[in-house]
C-alpha atoms as a PDB file:
ATOM      1  CA  UNK A   1     -42.958 -12.775  -2.580  1.00  0.00           C
ATOM      2  CA  UNK A   2     -44.989 -14.179  -6.111  1.00  0.00           C
ATOM      3  CA  UNK A   3     -44.075 -11.309  -7.992  1.00  0.00           C
ATOM      4  CA  UNK A   4     -47.484 -10.990  -9.188  1.00  0.00           C
ATOM      5  CA  UNK A   5     -48.541 -10.303  -5.948  1.00  0.00           C
ATOM      6  CA  UNK A   6     -49.109  -7.339  -4.485  1.00  0.00           C
ATOM      7  CA  UNK A   7     -47.239  -5.423  -1.350  1.00  0.00           C
ATOM      8  CA  UNK A   8     -49.310  -5.770   1.790  1.00  0.00           C
ATOM      9  CA  UNK A   9     -48.390  -3.416   3.751  1.00  0.00           C
ATOM     10  CA  UNK A  10     -50.430  -4.150   6.442  1.00  0.00           C
ATOM     11  CA  UNK A  11     -47.789  -6.938   7.308  1.00  0.00           C
ATOM     12  CA  UNK A  12     -44.946  -4.978   7.335  1.00  0.00           C
ATOM     13  CA  UNK A  13     -42.986  -4.190  10.850  1.00  0.00           C
ATOM     14  CA  UNK A  14     -41.128  -1.271   9.709  1.00  0.00           C
ATOM     15  CA  UNK A  15     -38.164   0.270  11.694  1.00  0.00           C
ATOM     16  CA  UNK A  16     -36.904   3.801  10.456  1.00  0.00           C
ATOM     17  CA  UNK A  17     -33.540   5.275  11.050  1.00  0.00           C
ATOM     18  CA  UNK A  18     -33.502   8.254   9.780  1.00  0.00           C
ATOM     19  CA  UNK A  19     -31.711  11.457  11.520  1.00  0.00           C
ATOM     20  CA  UNK A  20     -34.122  14.410  11.248  1.00  0.00           C
ATOM     21  CA  UNK A  21     -37.495  14.075  12.720  1.00  0.00           C
ATOM     22  CA  UNK A  22     -39.273  15.983   9.822  1.00  0.00           C
ATOM     23  CA  UNK A  23     -38.227  13.261   7.771  1.00  0.00           C
ATOM     24  CA  UNK A  24     -38.798   9.725   9.818  1.00  0.00           C
ATOM     25  CA  UNK A  25     -42.102  11.508  10.466  1.00  0.00           C
ATOM     26  CA  UNK A  26     -43.490  12.446   6.684  1.00  0.00           C
ATOM     27  CA  UNK A  27     -42.101   9.297   6.077  1.00  0.00           C
ATOM     28  CA  UNK A  28     -43.939   7.068   8.713  1.00  0.00           C
ATOM     29  CA  UNK A  29     -46.556   8.971   7.830  1.00  0.00           C
ATOM     30  CA  UNK A  30     -46.878   7.850   4.079  1.00  0.00           C
ATOM     31  CA  UNK A  31     -46.110   3.900   5.725  1.00  0.00           C
ATOM     32  CA  UNK A  32     -49.593   5.012   7.322  1.00  0.00           C
ATOM     33  CA  UNK A  33     -51.669   5.990   4.109  1.00  0.00           C
ATOM     34  CA  UNK A  34     -49.960   2.836   2.785  1.00  0.00           C
ATOM     35  CA  UNK A  35     -51.363   0.852   5.612  1.00  0.00           C
ATOM     36  CA  UNK A  36     -48.550  -0.042   7.649  1.00  0.00           C
ATOM     37  CA  UNK A  37     -49.388   0.285  11.081  1.00  0.00           C
ATOM     38  CA  UNK A  38     -45.914  -1.245  12.672  1.00  0.00           C
ATOM     39  CA  UNK A  39     -43.577   1.816  12.634  1.00  0.00           C
ATOM     40  CA  UNK A  40     -40.511   2.233  15.316  1.00  0.00           C
ATOM     41  CA  UNK A  41     -38.672   5.455  14.528  1.00  0.00           C
ATOM     42  CA  UNK A  42     -34.784   5.750  15.628  1.00  0.00           C
ATOM     43  CA  UNK A  43     -32.503   8.063  15.377  1.00  0.00           C
ATOM     44  CA  UNK A  44     -28.880   6.882  15.930  1.00  0.00           C
ATOM     45  CA  UNK A  45     -27.464   3.664  14.910  1.00  0.00           C
ATOM     46  CA  UNK A  46     -27.690   2.633  18.970  1.00  0.00           C
ATOM     47  CA  UNK A  47     -31.165   3.337  18.663  1.00  0.00           C
ATOM     48  CA  UNK A  48     -31.740   1.303  16.265  1.00  0.00           C
ATOM     49  CA  UNK A  49     -29.844  -1.334  17.157  1.00  0.00           C
ATOM     50  CA  UNK A  50     -32.017  -1.885  20.407  1.00  0.00           C
ATOM     51  CA  UNK A  51     -35.347  -1.204  18.442  1.00  0.00           C
ATOM     52  CA  UNK A  52     -34.262  -4.005  15.804  1.00  0.00           C
ATOM     53  CA  UNK A  53     -33.197  -6.426  18.796  1.00  0.00           C
ATOM     54  CA  UNK A  54     -36.653  -5.774  20.316  1.00  0.00           C
ATOM     55  CA  UNK A  55     -39.098  -5.595  17.366  1.00  0.00           C
ATOM     56  CA  UNK A  56     -37.493  -7.629  15.174  1.00  0.00           C
ATOM     57  CA  UNK A  57     -39.091  -5.593  11.967  1.00  0.00           C
ATOM     58  CA  UNK A  58     -39.111  -7.415   8.327  1.00  0.00           C
ATOM     59  CA  UNK A  59     -38.542  -3.897   6.565  1.00  0.00           C
ATOM     60  CA  UNK A  60     -36.336  -1.634   7.671  1.00  0.00           C
ATOM     61  CA  UNK A  61     -35.469   1.883   6.067  1.00  0.00           C
ATOM     62  CA  UNK A  62     -31.953   3.188   6.597  1.00  0.00           C
ATOM     63  CA  UNK A  63     -30.706   6.954   6.340  1.00  0.00           C
ATOM     64  CA  UNK A  64     -27.589   6.188   3.793  1.00  0.00           C
ATOM     65  CA  UNK A  65     -25.913   9.029   5.817  1.00  0.00           C
ATOM     66  CA  UNK A  66     -26.488   9.424   9.677  1.00  0.00           C
ATOM     67  CA  UNK A  67     -23.303  10.655  10.115  1.00  0.00           C
ATOM     68  CA  UNK A  68     -21.423   9.240   6.836  1.00  0.00           C
ATOM     69  CA  UNK A  69     -21.753   7.143   3.599  1.00  0.00           C
ATOM     70  CA  UNK A  70     -20.441   4.102   5.898  1.00  0.00           C
ATOM     71  CA  UNK A  71     -22.051   4.918   9.308  1.00  0.00           C
ATOM     72  CA  UNK A  72     -25.569   4.783   7.266  1.00  0.00           C
ATOM     73  CA  UNK A  73     -24.553   1.647   5.983  1.00  0.00           C
ATOM     74  CA  UNK A  74     -22.757   0.341   9.337  1.00  0.00           C
ATOM     75  CA  UNK A  75     -26.057   0.508  11.134  1.00  0.00           C
ATOM     76  CA  UNK A  76     -27.861  -1.520   8.478  1.00  0.00           C
ATOM     77  CA  UNK A  77     -25.488  -4.092   8.494  1.00  0.00           C
ATOM     78  CA  UNK A  78     -26.107  -4.205  12.373  1.00  0.00           C
ATOM     79  CA  UNK A  79     -29.719  -3.934  12.222  1.00  0.00           C
ATOM     80  CA  UNK A  80     -30.089  -6.679   9.610  1.00  0.00           C
ATOM     81  CA  UNK A  81     -27.219  -9.634  11.360  1.00  0.00           C
ATOM     82  CA  UNK A  82     -29.754 -12.307  12.174  1.00  0.00           C
ATOM     83  CA  UNK A  83     -32.899 -11.096  11.022  1.00  0.00           C
ATOM     84  CA  UNK A  84     -34.377 -11.324   7.712  1.00  0.00           C
ATOM     85  CA  UNK A  85     -35.518  -8.191   6.946  1.00  0.00           C
ATOM     86  CA  UNK A  86     -35.609  -6.417   3.628  1.00  0.00           C
ATOM     87  CA  UNK A  87     -33.601  -2.848   3.412  1.00  0.00           C
ATOM     88  CA  UNK A  88     -34.539   0.667   1.522  1.00  0.00           C
ATOM     89  CA  UNK A  89     -31.784   2.945   1.574  1.00  0.00           C
ATOM     90  CA  UNK A  90     -33.094   6.831   2.789  1.00  0.00           C
ATOM     91  CA  UNK A  91     -31.496   9.963   1.063  1.00  0.00           C
ATOM     92  CA  UNK A  92     -31.507  13.659   0.238  1.00  0.00           C
ATOM     93  CA  UNK A  93     -30.549  16.166  -2.663  1.00  0.00           C
ATOM     94  CA  UNK A  94     -27.186  16.553  -0.113  1.00  0.00           C
ATOM     95  CA  UNK A  95     -26.125  12.925  -0.846  1.00  0.00           C
ATOM     96  CA  UNK A  96     -23.221  13.103  -3.280  1.00  0.00           C
ATOM     97  CA  UNK A  97     -24.396  11.439  -6.747  1.00  0.00           C
ATOM     98  CA  UNK A  98     -22.146   8.474  -6.539  1.00  0.00           C
ATOM     99  CA  UNK A  99     -23.422   7.156  -3.271  1.00  0.00           C
ATOM    100  CA  UNK A 100     -26.663   7.817  -4.849  1.00  0.00           C
ATOM    101  CA  UNK A 101     -25.790   5.846  -8.104  1.00  0.00           C
ATOM    102  CA  UNK A 102     -24.197   2.994  -5.991  1.00  0.00           C
ATOM    103  CA  UNK A 103     -27.490   2.567  -4.227  1.00  0.00           C
ATOM    104  CA  UNK A 104     -29.884   2.642  -7.463  1.00  0.00           C
ATOM    105  CA  UNK A 105     -27.500   0.102  -9.032  1.00  0.00           C
ATOM    106  CA  UNK A 106     -27.549  -2.469  -5.808  1.00  0.00           C
ATOM    107  CA  UNK A 107     -30.320  -5.115  -4.933  1.00  0.00           C
ATOM    108  CA  UNK A 108     -31.533  -2.739  -1.868  1.00  0.00           C
ATOM    109  CA  UNK A 109     -34.333  -0.742  -2.415  1.00  0.00           C
ATOM    110  CA  UNK A 110     -33.466   3.348  -2.620  1.00  0.00           C
ATOM    111  CA  UNK A 111     -36.433   6.165  -1.826  1.00  0.00           C
ATOM    112  CA  UNK A 112     -34.840   9.811  -2.061  1.00  0.00           C
ATOM    113  CA  UNK A 113     -36.631  12.908  -0.310  1.00  0.00           C
ATOM    114  CA  UNK A 114     -38.940  14.224  -0.909  1.00  0.00           C
ATOM    115  CA  UNK A 115     -40.422  10.681  -0.691  1.00  0.00           C
ATOM    116  CA  UNK A 116     -43.499  10.032  -3.667  1.00  0.00           C
ATOM    117  CA  UNK A 117     -46.106   7.495  -2.417  1.00  0.00           C
ATOM    118  CA  UNK A 118     -45.687   6.081  -5.830  1.00  0.00           C
ATOM    119  CA  UNK A 119     -42.012   5.325  -5.791  1.00  0.00           C
ATOM    120  CA  UNK A 120     -41.871   4.386  -2.258  1.00  0.00           C
ATOM    121  CA  UNK A 121     -44.504   1.593  -2.499  1.00  0.00           C
ATOM    122  CA  UNK A 122     -42.263   0.037  -5.310  1.00  0.00           C
ATOM    123  CA  UNK A 123     -38.811   0.482  -3.655  1.00  0.00           C
ATOM    124  CA  UNK A 124     -40.493  -1.554  -0.752  1.00  0.00           C
ATOM    125  CA  UNK A 125     -41.865  -4.160  -3.557  1.00  0.00           C
ATOM    126  CA  UNK A 126     -38.722  -4.490  -5.590  1.00  0.00           C
ATOM    127  CA  UNK A 127     -36.480  -4.781  -1.788  1.00  0.00           C
ATOM    128  CA  UNK A 128     -39.245  -7.486  -0.700  1.00  0.00           C
ATOM    129  CA  UNK A 129     -39.356  -9.377  -4.280  1.00  0.00           C
ATOM    130  CA  UNK A 130     -35.202  -9.233  -4.001  1.00  0.00           C
ATOM    131  CA  UNK A 131     -34.558 -10.407  -0.521  1.00  0.00           C
ATOM    132  CA  UNK A 132     -37.781 -13.332  -1.334  1.00  0.00           C
ATOM    133  CA  UNK A 133     -35.244 -14.034  -4.425  1.00  0.00           C
ATOM    134  CA  UNK A 134     -31.901 -14.010  -2.214  1.00  0.00           C
ATOM    135  CA  UNK A 135     -30.875 -11.062  -3.700  1.00  0.00           C
ATOM    136  CA  UNK A 136     -30.085  -8.068  -1.506  1.00  0.00           C
ATOM    137  CA  UNK A 137     -28.070 -10.279   1.148  1.00  0.00           C
ATOM    138  CA  UNK A 138     -26.787  -9.550   4.648  1.00  0.00           C
ATOM    139  CA  UNK A 139     -23.209 -10.924   2.374  1.00  0.00           C
ATOM    140  CA  UNK A 140     -24.506  -7.922  -1.142  1.00  0.00           C
ATOM    141  CA  UNK A 141     -25.075  -5.517   2.354  1.00  0.00           C
ATOM    142  CA  UNK A 142     -21.669  -6.219   3.540  1.00  0.00           C
ATOM    143  CA  UNK A 143     -20.002  -6.404   0.365  1.00  0.00           C
ATOM    144  CA  UNK A 144     -21.810  -2.776  -0.347  1.00  0.00           C
ATOM    145  CA  UNK A 145     -20.555  -1.222   2.417  1.00  0.00           C
ATOM    146  CA  UNK A 146     -16.595  -2.820   1.122  1.00  0.00           C
ATOM    147  CA  UNK A 147     -16.778  -1.029  -2.256  1.00  0.00           C
ATOM    148  CA  UNK A 148     -17.131   2.725  -3.431  1.00  0.00           C
ATOM    149  CA  UNK A 149     -18.977   3.199  -6.629  1.00  0.00           C
ATOM    150  CA  UNK A 150     -15.804   3.323  -8.422  1.00  0.00           C
ATOM    151  CA  UNK A 151     -15.405  -0.202  -7.897  1.00  0.00           C
ATOM    152  CA  UNK A 152     -12.621  -0.401  -4.900  1.00  0.00           C
ATOM    153  CA  UNK A 153     -12.492  -0.422  -1.131  1.00  0.00           C
ATOM    154  CA  UNK A 154     -13.522   2.356   0.855  1.00  0.00           C
ATOM    155  CA  UNK A 155     -11.892   4.397   3.516  1.00  0.00           C
ATOM    156  CA  UNK A 156     -13.331   1.823   6.145  1.00  0.00           C
ATOM    157  CA  UNK A 157     -11.751  -1.159   4.260  1.00  0.00           C
ATOM    158  CA  UNK A 158      -8.491   0.741   3.702  1.00  0.00           C
ATOM    159  CA  UNK A 159      -7.956   1.316   8.021  1.00  0.00           C
ATOM    160  CA  UNK A 160      -8.933  -2.394   8.253  1.00  0.00           C
ATOM    161  CA  UNK A 161      -6.409  -3.543   5.876  1.00  0.00           C
ATOM    162  CA  UNK A 162      -3.824  -1.249   6.935  1.00  0.00           C
ATOM    163  CA  UNK A 163      -4.389  -2.361  10.696  1.00  0.00           C
ATOM    164  CA  UNK A 164      -3.947  -5.908   9.720  1.00  0.00           C
ATOM    165  CA  UNK A 165      -1.188  -6.109   7.427  1.00  0.00           C
ATOM    166  CA  UNK A 166       0.824  -3.515   9.702  1.00  0.00           C
ATOM    167  CA  UNK A 167      -0.006  -6.244  12.948  1.00  0.00           C
ATOM    168  CA  UNK A 168       0.795  -9.647  10.302  1.00  0.00           C
ATOM    169  CA  UNK A 169       4.053  -7.664   8.850  1.00  0.00           C
ATOM    170  CA  UNK A 170       5.338  -6.643  12.555  1.00  0.00           C
ATOM    171  CA  UNK A 171       4.931 -10.258  13.696  1.00  0.00           C
ATOM    172  CA  UNK A 172       6.400 -11.736  10.697  1.00  0.00           C
ATOM    173  CA  UNK A 173       9.671  -8.959  10.589  1.00  0.00           C
ATOM    174  CA  UNK A 174       8.298  -8.291   7.028  1.00  0.00           C
ATOM    175  CA  UNK A 175       8.152  -4.826   5.128  1.00  0.00           C
ATOM    176  CA  UNK A 176       4.763  -3.128   4.183  1.00  0.00           C
ATOM    177  CA  UNK A 177       4.741  -1.114   1.731  1.00  0.00           C
ATOM    178  CA  UNK A 178       2.111   1.578   0.722  1.00  0.00           C
ATOM    179  CA  UNK A 179       1.280   4.332  -2.142  1.00  0.00           C
ATOM    180  CA  UNK A 180      -0.312   6.895  -1.697  1.00  0.00           C
ATOM    181  CA  UNK A 181      -1.777   8.289  -5.393  1.00  0.00           C
ATOM    182  CA  UNK A 182      -3.462  11.766  -5.850  1.00  0.00           C
ATOM    183  CA  UNK A 183      -5.654  11.735  -8.720  1.00  0.00           C
ATOM    184  CA  UNK A 184      -6.397  15.344 -10.051  1.00  0.00           C
ATOM    185  CA  UNK A 185      -6.766  17.287 -13.439  1.00  0.00           C
ATOM    186  CA  UNK A 186     -10.609  16.065 -13.849  1.00  0.00           C
ATOM    187  CA  UNK A 187     -13.062  18.384 -15.653  1.00  0.00           C
ATOM    188  CA  UNK A 188     -14.759  20.574 -12.769  1.00  0.00           C
ATOM    189  CA  UNK A 189     -12.428  18.780 -10.362  1.00  0.00           C
ATOM    190  CA  UNK A 190     -15.120  16.699  -8.873  1.00  0.00           C
ATOM    191  CA  UNK A 191     -15.126  12.902  -8.547  1.00  0.00           C
ATOM    192  CA  UNK A 192     -18.843  12.974  -8.473  1.00  0.00           C
ATOM    193  CA  UNK A 193     -19.783  14.668 -12.246  1.00  0.00           C
ATOM    194  CA  UNK A 194     -19.722  11.427 -14.417  1.00  0.00           C
ATOM    195  CA  UNK A 195     -16.377  12.600 -15.987  1.00  0.00           C
ATOM    196  CA  UNK A 196     -14.567  12.598 -12.649  1.00  0.00           C
ATOM    197  CA  UNK A 197     -16.246   9.344 -11.743  1.00  0.00           C
ATOM    198  CA  UNK A 198     -15.319   7.031 -14.977  1.00  0.00           C
ATOM    199  CA  UNK A 199     -11.675   8.820 -14.826  1.00  0.00           C
ATOM    200  CA  UNK A 200     -11.367   7.064 -11.331  1.00  0.00           C
ATOM    201  CA  UNK A 201     -12.831   4.070 -12.251  1.00  0.00           C
ATOM    202  CA  UNK A 202     -10.324   3.568 -15.029  1.00  0.00           C
ATOM    203  CA  UNK A 203      -7.621   4.213 -12.815  1.00  0.00           C
ATOM    204  CA  UNK A 204      -8.554   1.489 -10.515  1.00  0.00           C
ATOM    205  CA  UNK A 205      -9.029  -0.770 -13.174  1.00  0.00           C
ATOM    206  CA  UNK A 206      -5.346  -0.068 -14.295  1.00  0.00           C
ATOM    207  CA  UNK A 207      -4.296  -0.636 -10.216  1.00  0.00           C
ATOM    208  CA  UNK A 208      -6.082  -3.880  -9.855  1.00  0.00           C
ATOM    209  CA  UNK A 209      -4.237  -5.066 -12.862  1.00  0.00           C
ATOM    210  CA  UNK A 210      -0.931  -4.287 -11.043  1.00  0.00           C
ATOM    211  CA  UNK A 211      -2.123  -6.195  -8.188  1.00  0.00           C
ATOM    212  CA  UNK A 212      -1.805  -9.652  -8.230  1.00  0.00           C
ATOM    213  CA  UNK A 213      -1.579 -10.966  -4.839  1.00  0.00           C
ATOM    214  CA  UNK A 214      -4.079 -11.949  -2.746  1.00  0.00           C
ATOM    215  CA  UNK A 215      -3.508  -9.413   0.109  1.00  0.00           C
ATOM    216  CA  UNK A 216      -3.249  -6.737  -2.030  1.00  0.00           C
ATOM    217  CA  UNK A 217      -5.823  -3.918  -1.188  1.00  0.00           C
ATOM    218  CA  UNK A 218      -6.685  -1.199  -3.202  1.00  0.00           C
ATOM    219  CA  UNK A 219      -9.188   1.560  -1.408  1.00  0.00           C
ATOM    220  CA  UNK A 220      -9.936   5.289  -1.362  1.00  0.00           C
ATOM    221  CA  UNK A 221      -8.589   7.348   1.248  1.00  0.00           C
END
């Protein structure tokens, strides 16, 4: 996509993955007002994967919290594997601030509900441009899914690593070490505040310095 070229909404094949029908309908209506005439709606990850295989969308709008942050990212990963599709994540005011910040800082498009037509058009344009420039790739989507906003792994990455290392240590008859660290006493006791997020990021940075082996994993649990 040429940076000076306006978005041609008439060329979009959009897939909206949103569990709440009124929100999905609102987005579909706004896309229609912008000129998009090919919009498919899915309310679950399974339905979205089926529609993606059938319709081959080039633009995917995915709620980041189908049931959890990981579920929304899992859906986006499954949909975009093998497709040349740009991604715009949807969120609501219920989503945590650190989730919203992670998406706003990523190369993927991001809009929150209630939707604003101007911001929606910009998010679509940014997502298409980043995809054309090689950003917002499938690999980066997987990296976003594996890394929390504090810079360390998500609970899903922790579960995967623990399962893998447990099997490896059982086969090699070697010990497995696991440290659970509870970090607290932040202002307002909330990791969603700037103070709490910065504190967790600092602790994560210190732990990374202590872990020098390739197999060492630091993650939220």
